Amino acid sequence: MTAEGFDYRDIDDVIHGRVRLAAMAYLSGAGSADFNELKAKVGGTDGNLSVHLRKLEEAGYLRIEKTFAGRKPRTVCRLTDAGREAWIAYIGRIGALLAASS
C-alpha cells in the first residue's frame, strides 16, 4: 500500500490471468470441480486450461488429483488453504483498487 492509496502492483499476477481468475472464482464457490466441469465453466481448450491449472498448482493455490472412474481418467481440482487465502487477498486488493479510484 502506498500513502496515496492502493498500489496496483500488489495484484497477484498468478491469479490475475483471465482463465486462472475464472478458475479461482469458480472453485472458491464450488469447493472442487472435475476438469470437464471446470472447462465448461471457464472455456478454452484442454491444453490451455491444463497450462493455467498447472500454474495455479505450482503456486500452491490448487491441488489436482488424478483418479480413475472405471477406466476413465478423472482430474479433480480444489483450492488449497493457501489458494483460498490468496483468493481472499486478491479480492481485497481489487476492492481497494476500486475504492482508491473513486
C-alpha atoms as a PDB file:
ATOM      1  CA  MET A   1       0.000   0.000   0.000  1.00  0.00           C
ATOM      2  CA  THR A   2       1.185   3.470  -0.738  1.00  0.00           C
ATOM      3  CA  ALA A   3       0.299   6.590   1.195  1.00  0.00           C
ATOM      4  CA  GLU A   4      -1.863   7.696  -1.730  1.00  0.00           C
ATOM      5  CA  GLY A   5      -3.947   4.533  -1.770  1.00  0.00           C
ATOM      6  CA  PHE A   6      -3.801   1.166  -3.403  1.00  0.00           C
ATOM      7  CA  ASP A   7      -0.774   0.162  -5.439  1.00  0.00           C
ATOM      8  CA  TYR A   8      -1.893  -1.916  -8.435  1.00  0.00           C
ATOM      9  CA  ARG A   9       1.465  -3.728  -8.396  1.00  0.00           C
ATOM     10  CA  ASP A  10       0.227  -5.659  -5.335  1.00  0.00           C
ATOM     11  CA  ILE A  11      -2.215  -7.642  -7.508  1.00  0.00           C
ATOM     12  CA  ASP A  12      -1.313 -11.347  -7.624  1.00  0.00           C
ATOM     13  CA  ASP A  13      -0.258 -11.982 -11.231  1.00  0.00           C
ATOM     14  CA  VAL A  14      -0.727 -15.737 -10.837  1.00  0.00           C
ATOM     15  CA  ILE A  15      -4.438 -15.250 -10.215  1.00  0.00           C
ATOM     16  CA  HIS A  16      -4.947 -12.211 -12.429  1.00  0.00           C
ATOM     17  CA  GLY A  17      -4.808 -14.001 -15.801  1.00  0.00           C
ATOM     18  CA  ARG A  18      -8.346 -14.370 -17.200  1.00  0.00           C
ATOM     19  CA  VAL A  19      -8.506 -18.170 -17.257  1.00  0.00           C
ATOM     20  CA  ARG A  20      -6.816 -18.512 -13.856  1.00  0.00           C
ATOM     21  CA  LEU A  21      -9.089 -15.823 -12.410  1.00  0.00           C
ATOM     22  CA  ALA A  22     -12.167 -17.638 -13.705  1.00  0.00           C
ATOM     23  CA  ALA A  23     -10.926 -20.981 -12.337  1.00  0.00           C
ATOM     24  CA  MET A  24     -10.195 -19.497  -8.907  1.00  0.00           C
ATOM     25  CA  ALA A  25     -13.575 -17.741  -8.823  1.00  0.00           C
ATOM     26  CA  TYR A  26     -15.446 -20.908  -9.737  1.00  0.00           C
ATOM     27  CA  LEU A  27     -13.524 -23.128  -7.325  1.00  0.00           C
ATOM     28  CA  SER A  28     -13.911 -20.644  -4.477  1.00  0.00           C
ATOM     29  CA  GLY A  29     -17.660 -21.230  -4.637  1.00  0.00           C
ATOM     30  CA  ALA A  30     -17.816 -24.828  -5.810  1.00  0.00           C
ATOM     31  CA  GLY A  31     -15.118 -26.171  -3.497  1.00  0.00           C
ATOM     32  CA  SER A  32     -13.940 -28.638  -6.117  1.00  0.00           C
ATOM     33  CA  ALA A  33     -14.637 -29.448  -9.735  1.00  0.00           C
ATOM     34  CA  ASP A  34     -13.546 -32.054 -12.209  1.00  0.00           C
ATOM     35  CA  PHE A  35     -11.657 -30.923 -15.265  1.00  0.00           C
ATOM     36  CA  ASN A  36     -14.621 -31.149 -17.657  1.00  0.00           C
ATOM     37  CA  GLU A  37     -16.897 -29.178 -15.338  1.00  0.00           C
ATOM     38  CA  LEU A  38     -14.233 -26.517 -14.929  1.00  0.00           C
ATOM     39  CA  LYS A  39     -13.602 -26.423 -18.678  1.00  0.00           C
ATOM     40  CA  ALA A  40     -17.338 -25.927 -19.309  1.00  0.00           C
ATOM     41  CA  LYS A  41     -17.445 -23.002 -16.866  1.00  0.00           C
ATOM     42  CA  VAL A  42     -14.136 -21.395 -17.805  1.00  0.00           C
ATOM     43  CA  GLY A  43     -13.919 -22.214 -21.505  1.00  0.00           C
ATOM     44  CA  GLY A  44     -10.793 -22.795 -23.506  1.00  0.00           C
ATOM     45  CA  THR A  45      -9.187 -25.927 -24.798  1.00  0.00           C
ATOM     46  CA  ASP A  46      -7.952 -28.883 -22.780  1.00  0.00           C
ATOM     47  CA  GLY A  47      -4.340 -27.842 -23.326  1.00  0.00           C
ATOM     48  CA  ASN A  48      -4.912 -24.191 -22.500  1.00  0.00           C
ATOM     49  CA  LEU A  49      -6.803 -24.943 -19.299  1.00  0.00           C
ATOM     50  CA  SER A  50      -4.204 -27.535 -18.280  1.00  0.00           C
ATOM     51  CA  VAL A  51      -1.406 -24.977 -18.552  1.00  0.00           C
ATOM     52  CA  HIS A  52      -3.303 -22.471 -16.407  1.00  0.00           C
ATOM     53  CA  LEU A  53      -4.238 -25.055 -13.791  1.00  0.00           C
ATOM     54  CA  ARG A  54      -0.632 -26.218 -13.614  1.00  0.00           C
ATOM     55  CA  LYS A  55       0.479 -22.643 -12.944  1.00  0.00           C
ATOM     56  CA  LEU A  56      -2.025 -22.368 -10.085  1.00  0.00           C
ATOM     57  CA  GLU A  57      -0.888 -25.743  -8.763  1.00  0.00           C
ATOM     58  CA  GLU A  58       2.785 -24.730  -8.905  1.00  0.00           C
ATOM     59  CA  ALA A  59       1.928 -21.597  -6.908  1.00  0.00           C
ATOM     60  CA  GLY A  60       0.338 -23.839  -4.273  1.00  0.00           C
ATOM     61  CA  TYR A  61      -3.156 -22.460  -4.905  1.00  0.00           C
ATOM     62  CA  LEU A  62      -4.705 -25.662  -6.286  1.00  0.00           C
ATOM     63  CA  ARG A  63      -4.457 -29.345  -5.558  1.00  0.00           C
ATOM     64  CA  ILE A  64      -5.019 -31.516  -8.605  1.00  0.00           C
ATOM     65  CA  GLU A  65      -5.966 -35.145  -8.019  1.00  0.00           C
ATOM     66  CA  LYS A  66      -5.950 -37.670 -10.832  1.00  0.00           C
ATOM     67  CA  THR A  67      -8.003 -40.819 -10.355  1.00  0.00           C
ATOM     68  CA  PHE A  68      -9.940 -43.280 -12.459  1.00  0.00           C
ATOM     69  CA  ALA A  69     -13.693 -43.794 -12.595  1.00  0.00           C
ATOM     70  CA  GLY A  70     -13.788 -47.264 -14.049  1.00  0.00           C
ATOM     71  CA  ARG A  71     -11.385 -46.987 -16.961  1.00  0.00           C
ATOM     72  CA  LYS A  72     -11.882 -43.265 -17.484  1.00  0.00           C
ATOM     73  CA  PRO A  73      -9.343 -40.848 -16.032  1.00  0.00           C
ATOM     74  CA  ARG A  74     -10.779 -38.161 -13.790  1.00  0.00           C
ATOM     75  CA  THR A  75      -8.990 -34.972 -12.773  1.00  0.00           C
ATOM     76  CA  VAL A  76     -10.385 -33.061  -9.803  1.00  0.00           C
ATOM     77  CA  CYS A  77      -9.213 -29.590  -8.811  1.00  0.00           C
ATOM     78  CA  ARG A  78      -9.721 -27.916  -5.455  1.00  0.00           C
ATOM     79  CA  LEU A  79      -8.377 -24.824  -3.764  1.00  0.00           C
ATOM     80  CA  THR A  80      -5.742 -25.325  -1.098  1.00  0.00           C
ATOM     81  CA  ASP A  81      -5.800 -23.302   2.116  1.00  0.00           C
ATOM     82  CA  ALA A  82      -3.062 -21.116   0.600  1.00  0.00           C
ATOM     83  CA  GLY A  83      -5.182 -20.738  -2.534  1.00  0.00           C
ATOM     84  CA  ARG A  84      -8.219 -19.639  -0.537  1.00  0.00           C
ATOM     85  CA  GLU A  85      -6.083 -17.115   1.365  1.00  0.00           C
ATOM     86  CA  ALA A  86      -4.589 -15.828  -1.900  1.00  0.00           C
ATOM     87  CA  TRP A  87      -8.075 -15.551  -3.407  1.00  0.00           C
ATOM     88  CA  ILE A  88      -9.393 -13.557  -0.434  1.00  0.00           C
ATOM     89  CA  ALA A  89      -6.329 -11.285  -0.570  1.00  0.00           C
ATOM     90  CA  TYR A  90      -6.809 -10.837  -4.334  1.00  0.00           C
ATOM     91  CA  ILE A  91     -10.451  -9.823  -3.884  1.00  0.00           C
ATOM     92  CA  GLY A  92      -9.402  -7.399  -1.139  1.00  0.00           C
ATOM     93  CA  ARG A  93      -6.760  -5.838  -3.342  1.00  0.00           C
ATOM     94  CA  ILE A  94      -9.168  -5.399  -6.240  1.00  0.00           C
ATOM     95  CA  GLY A  95     -11.687  -3.837  -3.841  1.00  0.00           C
ATOM     96  CA  ALA A  96      -9.008  -1.477  -2.537  1.00  0.00           C
ATOM     97  CA  LEU A  97      -8.079  -0.506  -6.078  1.00  0.00           C
ATOM     98  CA  LEU A  98     -11.691   0.298  -6.862  1.00  0.00           C
ATOM     99  CA  ALA A  99     -12.113   2.263  -3.621  1.00  0.00           C
ATOM    100  CA  ALA A 100      -8.913   4.241  -4.231  1.00  0.00           C
ATOM    101  CA  SER A 101     -10.096   5.227  -7.695  1.00  0.00           C
ATOM    102  CA  SER A 102     -13.281   6.889  -6.504  1.00  0.00           C
END
